[in-house]
C-alpha atoms as a PDB file:
ATOM      1  CA  MET A   1      29.330 149.383 -54.504  1.00  0.00           C
ATOM      2  CA  PRO A   2      26.869 146.106 -54.241  1.00  0.00           C
ATOM      3  CA  LYS A   3      27.528 143.573 -57.009  1.00  0.00           C
ATOM      4  CA  ILE A   4      24.674 141.518 -58.030  1.00  0.00           C
ATOM      5  CA  ALA A   5      25.219 137.794 -56.997  1.00  0.00           C
ATOM      6  CA  GLU A   6      21.957 136.301 -58.050  1.00  0.00           C
ATOM      7  CA  ILE A   7      18.702 137.387 -59.866  1.00  0.00           C
ATOM      8  CA  GLU A   8      15.686 135.182 -58.688  1.00  0.00           C
ATOM      9  CA  TYR A   9      12.257 135.122 -60.146  1.00  0.00           C
ATOM     10  CA  THR A  10       9.707 135.218 -57.429  1.00  0.00           C
ATOM     11  CA  PRO A  11       5.911 133.592 -57.544  1.00  0.00           C
ATOM     12  CA  ASN A  12       4.829 137.230 -58.456  1.00  0.00           C
ATOM     13  CA  PRO A  13       5.386 137.629 -62.280  1.00  0.00           C
ATOM     14  CA  ASN A  14       6.013 141.117 -61.866  1.00  0.00           C
ATOM     15  CA  ALA A  15       8.545 141.040 -59.244  1.00  0.00           C
ATOM     16  CA  ILE A  16      12.223 140.024 -59.274  1.00  0.00           C
ATOM     17  CA  LYS A  17      14.614 139.583 -56.319  1.00  0.00           C
ATOM     18  CA  PHE A  18      18.221 140.572 -56.534  1.00  0.00           C
ATOM     19  CA  ILE A  19      20.432 139.014 -54.392  1.00  0.00           C
ATOM     20  CA  LEU A  20      23.412 141.100 -53.562  1.00  0.00           C
ATOM     21  CA  LYS A  21      27.292 140.617 -52.205  1.00  0.00           C
ATOM     22  CA  GLU A  22      26.849 143.731 -50.061  1.00  0.00           C
ATOM     23  CA  PRO A  23      24.242 145.240 -48.123  1.00  0.00           C
ATOM     24  CA  VAL A  24      22.257 148.179 -49.410  1.00  0.00           C
ATOM     25  CA  ALA A  25      19.701 148.312 -46.560  1.00  0.00           C
ATOM     26  CA  ALA A  26      20.340 148.146 -42.830  1.00  0.00           C
ATOM     27  CA  GLY A  27      17.822 147.585 -39.960  1.00  0.00           C
ATOM     28  CA  PHE A  28      14.305 146.998 -40.945  1.00  0.00           C
ATOM     29  CA  PRO A  29      13.280 146.520 -44.381  1.00  0.00           C
ATOM     30  CA  ARG A  30      12.903 149.853 -46.619  1.00  0.00           C
ATOM     31  CA  SER A  31       9.847 149.716 -48.773  1.00  0.00           C
ATOM     32  CA  PHE A  32       9.067 152.324 -51.421  1.00  0.00           C
ATOM     33  CA  PRO A  33       5.565 151.542 -52.891  1.00  0.00           C
ATOM     34  CA  ASN A  34       5.715 154.631 -55.332  1.00  0.00           C
ATOM     35  CA  LEU A  35       7.967 157.254 -56.619  1.00  0.00           C
ATOM     36  CA  GLU A  36       6.827 159.900 -54.242  1.00  0.00           C
ATOM     37  CA  ILE A  37       8.062 157.913 -51.265  1.00  0.00           C
ATOM     38  CA  ALA A  38      11.255 157.009 -53.086  1.00  0.00           C
ATOM     39  CA  ARG A  39      12.336 160.327 -53.785  1.00  0.00           C
ATOM     40  CA  ALA A  40      14.257 160.577 -50.366  1.00  0.00           C
ATOM     41  CA  ASP A  41      16.279 157.447 -51.299  1.00  0.00           C
ATOM     42  CA  PRO A  42      18.781 157.758 -54.006  1.00  0.00           C
ATOM     43  CA  LEU A  43      18.772 154.022 -55.160  1.00  0.00           C
ATOM     44  CA  ALA A  44      15.132 153.727 -55.076  1.00  0.00           C
ATOM     45  CA  LYS A  45      14.353 156.954 -56.805  1.00  0.00           C
ATOM     46  CA  ALA A  46      16.954 155.953 -59.676  1.00  0.00           C
ATOM     47  CA  LEU A  47      15.277 152.544 -59.947  1.00  0.00           C
ATOM     48  CA  PHE A  48      11.934 154.215 -60.253  1.00  0.00           C
ATOM     49  CA  GLU A  49      13.374 156.775 -62.834  1.00  0.00           C
ATOM     50  CA  VAL A  50      14.373 153.764 -65.172  1.00  0.00           C
ATOM     51  CA  GLY A  51      10.648 153.654 -65.953  1.00  0.00           C
ATOM     52  CA  ASN A  52       7.831 150.810 -65.556  1.00  0.00           C
ATOM     53  CA  VAL A  53       8.985 150.251 -61.821  1.00  0.00           C
ATOM     54  CA  VAL A  54       6.130 150.495 -59.448  1.00  0.00           C
ATOM     55  CA  SER A  55       7.759 149.171 -56.070  1.00  0.00           C
ATOM     56  CA  VAL A  56      11.144 148.621 -54.308  1.00  0.00           C
ATOM     57  CA  MET A  57      11.760 146.818 -51.266  1.00  0.00           C
ATOM     58  CA  MET A  58      15.374 146.460 -49.738  1.00  0.00           C
ATOM     59  CA  LEU A  59      16.538 144.455 -46.885  1.00  0.00           C
ATOM     60  CA  GLY A  60      20.226 143.689 -46.100  1.00  0.00           C
ATOM     61  CA  ARG A  61      21.709 141.851 -49.212  1.00  0.00           C
ATOM     62  CA  TRP A  62      18.505 141.681 -51.215  1.00  0.00           C
ATOM     63  CA  MET A  63      16.135 143.842 -52.846  1.00  0.00           C
ATOM     64  CA  THR A  64      12.951 143.299 -54.795  1.00  0.00           C
ATOM     65  CA  VAL A  65      11.855 145.346 -57.756  1.00  0.00           C
ATOM     66  CA  ILE A  66       8.163 145.169 -58.973  1.00  0.00           C
ATOM     67  CA  LYS A  67       7.304 146.309 -62.362  1.00  0.00           C
ATOM     68  CA  ASP A  68       4.088 147.368 -64.274  1.00  0.00           C
ATOM     69  CA  ASP A  69       3.175 145.461 -67.357  1.00  0.00           C
ATOM     70  CA  GLY A  70       4.589 147.970 -69.891  1.00  0.00           C
ATOM     71  CA  ALA A  71       7.728 146.125 -70.049  1.00  0.00           C
ATOM     72  CA  THR A  72       9.264 142.647 -69.849  1.00  0.00           C
ATOM     73  CA  TRP A  73      11.998 141.588 -67.551  1.00  0.00           C
ATOM     74  CA  ASN A  74      14.510 141.095 -70.495  1.00  0.00           C
ATOM     75  CA  GLU A  75      13.864 144.674 -71.391  1.00  0.00           C
ATOM     76  CA  LEU A  76      14.071 146.067 -67.854  1.00  0.00           C
ATOM     77  CA  LEU A  77      16.759 144.288 -66.293  1.00  0.00           C
ATOM     78  CA  PRO A  78      19.659 145.851 -68.395  1.00  0.00           C
ATOM     79  CA  ARG A  79      18.426 149.143 -67.339  1.00  0.00           C
ATOM     80  CA  LEU A  80      18.174 148.243 -63.567  1.00  0.00           C
ATOM     81  CA  ALA A  81      21.264 146.265 -63.227  1.00  0.00           C
ATOM     82  CA  PRO A  82      23.853 149.120 -63.581  1.00  0.00           C
ATOM     83  CA  ILE A  83      22.077 151.443 -61.056  1.00  0.00           C
ATOM     84  CA  ILE A  84      22.395 148.662 -58.550  1.00  0.00           C
ATOM     85  CA  ARG A  85      25.642 147.925 -59.094  1.00  0.00           C
ATOM     86  CA  GLN A  86      26.650 151.625 -58.608  1.00  0.00           C
ATOM     87  CA  ALA A  87      24.933 151.978 -55.455  1.00  0.00           C
ATOM     88  CA  PRO A  88      26.836 152.441 -52.034  1.00  0.00           C
ATOM     89  CA  SER A  89      26.782 149.472 -49.805  1.00  0.00           C
ATOM     90  CA  LEU A  90      25.990 149.798 -46.012  1.00  0.00           C
ATOM     91  CA  THR A  91      27.915 147.976 -43.259  1.00  0.00           C
ATOM     92  CA  ALA A  92      25.353 148.660 -40.280  1.00  0.00           C
ATOM     93  CA  GLY A  93      23.742 145.627 -38.769  1.00  0.00           C
ATOM     94  CA  GLU A  94      20.595 144.064 -40.319  1.00  0.00           C
ATOM     95  CA  ASN A  95      17.213 143.429 -38.894  1.00  0.00           C
ATOM     96  CA  PRO A  96      17.291 139.449 -38.987  1.00  0.00           C
ATOM     97  CA  SER A  97      13.638 139.095 -39.129  1.00  0.00           C
ATOM     98  CA  GLY A  98      13.062 141.524 -42.094  1.00  0.00           C
ATOM     99  CA  MET A  99       9.333 142.014 -40.605  1.00  0.00           C
ATOM    100  CA  THR A 100       8.167 145.345 -39.194  1.00  0.00           C
ATOM    101  CA  LEU A 101       5.796 146.315 -36.435  1.00  0.00           C
ATOM    102  CA  SER A 102       4.239 149.604 -36.726  1.00  0.00           C
ATOM    103  CA  ASP A 103       5.386 152.275 -34.192  1.00  0.00           C
ATOM    104  CA  ASP A 104       1.622 152.827 -33.041  1.00  0.00           C
ATOM    105  CA  VAL A 105       1.102 149.100 -32.261  1.00  0.00           C
ATOM    106  CA  LYS A 106       4.430 148.242 -30.657  1.00  0.00           C
ATOM    107  CA  ASP A 107       2.932 148.432 -27.003  1.00  0.00           C
ATOM    108  CA  ASP A 108       0.318 145.970 -27.654  1.00  0.00           C
ATOM    109  CA  ALA A 109       1.198 142.694 -26.061  1.00  0.00           C
ATOM    110  CA  PHE A 110      -1.262 140.597 -28.354  1.00  0.00           C
ATOM    111  CA  LEU A 111       0.428 142.151 -31.360  1.00  0.00           C
ATOM    112  CA  GLN A 112       3.683 141.393 -30.013  1.00  0.00           C
ATOM    113  CA  LYS A 113       2.989 137.828 -29.749  1.00  0.00           C
ATOM    114  CA  VAL A 114       1.401 137.891 -33.375  1.00  0.00           C
ATOM    115  CA  PHE A 115       4.784 139.666 -34.565  1.00  0.00           C
ATOM    116  CA  GLU A 116       6.748 136.709 -32.814  1.00  0.00           C
ATOM    117  CA  ALA A 117       4.860 133.913 -34.264  1.00  0.00           C
ATOM    118  CA  LEU A 118       5.049 135.409 -37.943  1.00  0.00           C
ATOM    119  CA  LYS A 119       8.743 136.200 -37.436  1.00  0.00           C
ATOM    120  CA  GLU A 120       9.299 132.452 -36.547  1.00  0.00           C
ATOM    121  CA  HIS A 121       6.880 130.771 -39.000  1.00  0.00           C
ATOM    122  CA  ILE A 122       6.144 132.859 -41.958  1.00  0.00           C
ATOM    123  CA  PHE A 123       8.620 135.535 -42.668  1.00  0.00           C
ATOM    124  CA  PRO A 124      11.501 133.346 -44.023  1.00  0.00           C
ATOM    125  CA  PHE A 125       9.153 131.850 -46.684  1.00  0.00           C
ATOM    126  CA  LEU A 126       8.149 135.392 -47.700  1.00  0.00           C
ATOM    127  CA  ALA A 127      11.736 136.557 -47.628  1.00  0.00           C
ATOM    128  CA  ALA A 128      12.951 133.730 -49.715  1.00  0.00           C
ATOM    129  CA  ASP A 129      10.586 135.077 -52.452  1.00  0.00           C
ATOM    130  CA  GLY A 130      11.712 138.622 -52.137  1.00  0.00           C
ATOM    131  CA  GLY A 131       8.815 139.783 -49.903  1.00  0.00           C
ATOM    132  CA  GLY A 132       7.834 140.614 -46.283  1.00  0.00           C
ATOM    133  CA  LEU A 133       4.911 142.056 -44.195  1.00  0.00           C
ATOM    134  CA  GLU A 134       4.219 144.836 -41.843  1.00  0.00           C
ATOM    135  CA  VAL A 135       1.838 144.367 -38.897  1.00  0.00           C
ATOM    136  CA  VAL A 136      -0.263 147.363 -39.087  1.00  0.00           C
ATOM    137  CA  GLY A 137      -2.779 147.098 -36.318  1.00  0.00           C
ATOM    138  CA  ARG A 138      -5.853 145.362 -35.014  1.00  0.00           C
ATOM    139  CA  HIS A 139      -9.340 145.402 -34.060  1.00  0.00           C
ATOM    140  CA  GLU A 140     -10.232 142.940 -31.124  1.00  0.00           C
ATOM    141  CA  LYS A 141      -8.935 139.762 -32.595  1.00  0.00           C
ATOM    142  CA  GLN A 142      -8.733 140.964 -36.401  1.00  0.00           C
ATOM    143  CA  VAL A 143      -5.092 141.693 -37.193  1.00  0.00           C
ATOM    144  CA  MET A 144      -4.314 143.832 -40.138  1.00  0.00           C
ATOM    145  CA  ILE A 145      -1.221 143.257 -42.236  1.00  0.00           C
ATOM    146  CA  ARG A 146       0.373 145.006 -45.112  1.00  0.00           C
ATOM    147  CA  TYR A 147       2.580 142.973 -47.793  1.00  0.00           C
ATOM    148  CA  MET A 148       5.907 144.274 -48.818  1.00  0.00           C
ATOM    149  CA  GLY A 149       8.197 143.657 -51.758  1.00  0.00           C
ATOM    150  CA  ALA A 150       7.034 140.754 -54.278  1.00  0.00           C
ATOM    151  CA  CYS A 151       4.324 139.921 -51.876  1.00  0.00           C
ATOM    152  CA  GLN A 152       2.793 143.392 -52.147  1.00  0.00           C
ATOM    153  CA  ASN A 153       0.662 142.772 -55.561  1.00  0.00           C
ATOM    154  CA  CYS A 154       1.215 138.922 -55.611  1.00  0.00           C
ATOM    155  CA  PRO A 155      -2.080 137.044 -56.764  1.00  0.00           C
ATOM    156  CA  ALA A 156      -1.005 134.276 -53.819  1.00  0.00           C
ATOM    157  CA  GLY A 157      -1.044 137.111 -51.030  1.00  0.00           C
ATOM    158  CA  LEU A 158      -4.797 137.333 -50.978  1.00  0.00           C
ATOM    159  CA  THR A 159      -5.143 133.575 -51.163  1.00  0.00           C
ATOM    160  CA  GLY A 160      -2.843 130.616 -49.978  1.00  0.00           C
ATOM    161  CA  THR A 161      -0.385 133.150 -48.170  1.00  0.00           C
ATOM    162  CA  LEU A 162      -3.215 134.972 -46.317  1.00  0.00           C
ATOM    163  CA  MET A 163      -4.655 131.545 -45.135  1.00  0.00           C
ATOM    164  CA  ALA A 164      -1.419 130.323 -44.128  1.00  0.00           C
ATOM    165  CA  ILE A 165      -0.668 133.383 -42.041  1.00  0.00           C
ATOM    166  CA  GLU A 166      -3.984 133.006 -40.548  1.00  0.00           C
ATOM    167  CA  GLY A 167      -3.533 129.456 -39.823  1.00  0.00           C
ATOM    168  CA  VAL A 168       0.040 130.101 -38.148  1.00  0.00           C
ATOM    169  CA  LEU A 169      -1.780 132.670 -35.874  1.00  0.00           C
ATOM    170  CA  LYS A 170      -4.653 130.490 -34.968  1.00  0.00           C
ATOM    171  CA  ALA A 171      -2.479 127.904 -33.663  1.00  0.00           C
ATOM    172  CA  GLU A 172       0.322 130.157 -32.125  1.00  0.00           C
ATOM    173  CA  VAL A 173      -1.661 132.867 -30.644  1.00  0.00           C
ATOM    174  CA  ASP A 174      -5.516 132.646 -30.679  1.00  0.00           C
ATOM    175  CA  PRO A 175      -7.709 130.143 -32.394  1.00  0.00           C
ATOM    176  CA  GLU A 176     -10.396 133.032 -32.941  1.00  0.00           C
ATOM    177  CA  ILE A 177      -7.959 135.354 -34.770  1.00  0.00           C
ATOM    178  CA  SER A 178      -8.586 136.581 -38.193  1.00  0.00           C
ATOM    179  CA  VAL A 179      -6.165 138.350 -40.615  1.00  0.00           C
ATOM    180  CA  ILE A 180      -6.900 140.855 -43.281  1.00  0.00           C
ATOM    181  CA  THR A 181      -4.560 142.927 -45.751  1.00  0.00           C
ATOM    182  CA  VAL A 182      -4.685 146.437 -45.679  1.00  0.00           C
END
């Protein structure tokens, strides 16, 4: 059973990051943006059933929970912690980057370059705050991304973070690139 090593507040006031002593998700990040999708995962489903939870993201030894405005963290944390402590841990290998590339765009060489640049320069900073992103696709030189975890509805995601992502991609991949969130 995973034990909670630390609880970190993120730049998103509605998101909190749990650092765990044991992994709860292996491979690519698991993102549950709503209860309907979370129904297939016992841990995510149990977290949503506490109430006031609107999103859960898990990767290796950490998870991010996003709440609505109907509860404070002081009210919600005591209800979430026992569920996390009772969850089974996993032992399979972890995706070291935590980023994902949609299946339908994996064969696109341009997007592979985008993915590699983001993996090296952007994802460590997003992961540090309990977030991540998925490269969804592109239209010519316009790249579409989807934020996950704490980044999902963070106010900085549409301003500074998006500008930083676009700046890295302009420098590393193509100066004419633009980035949008979907």
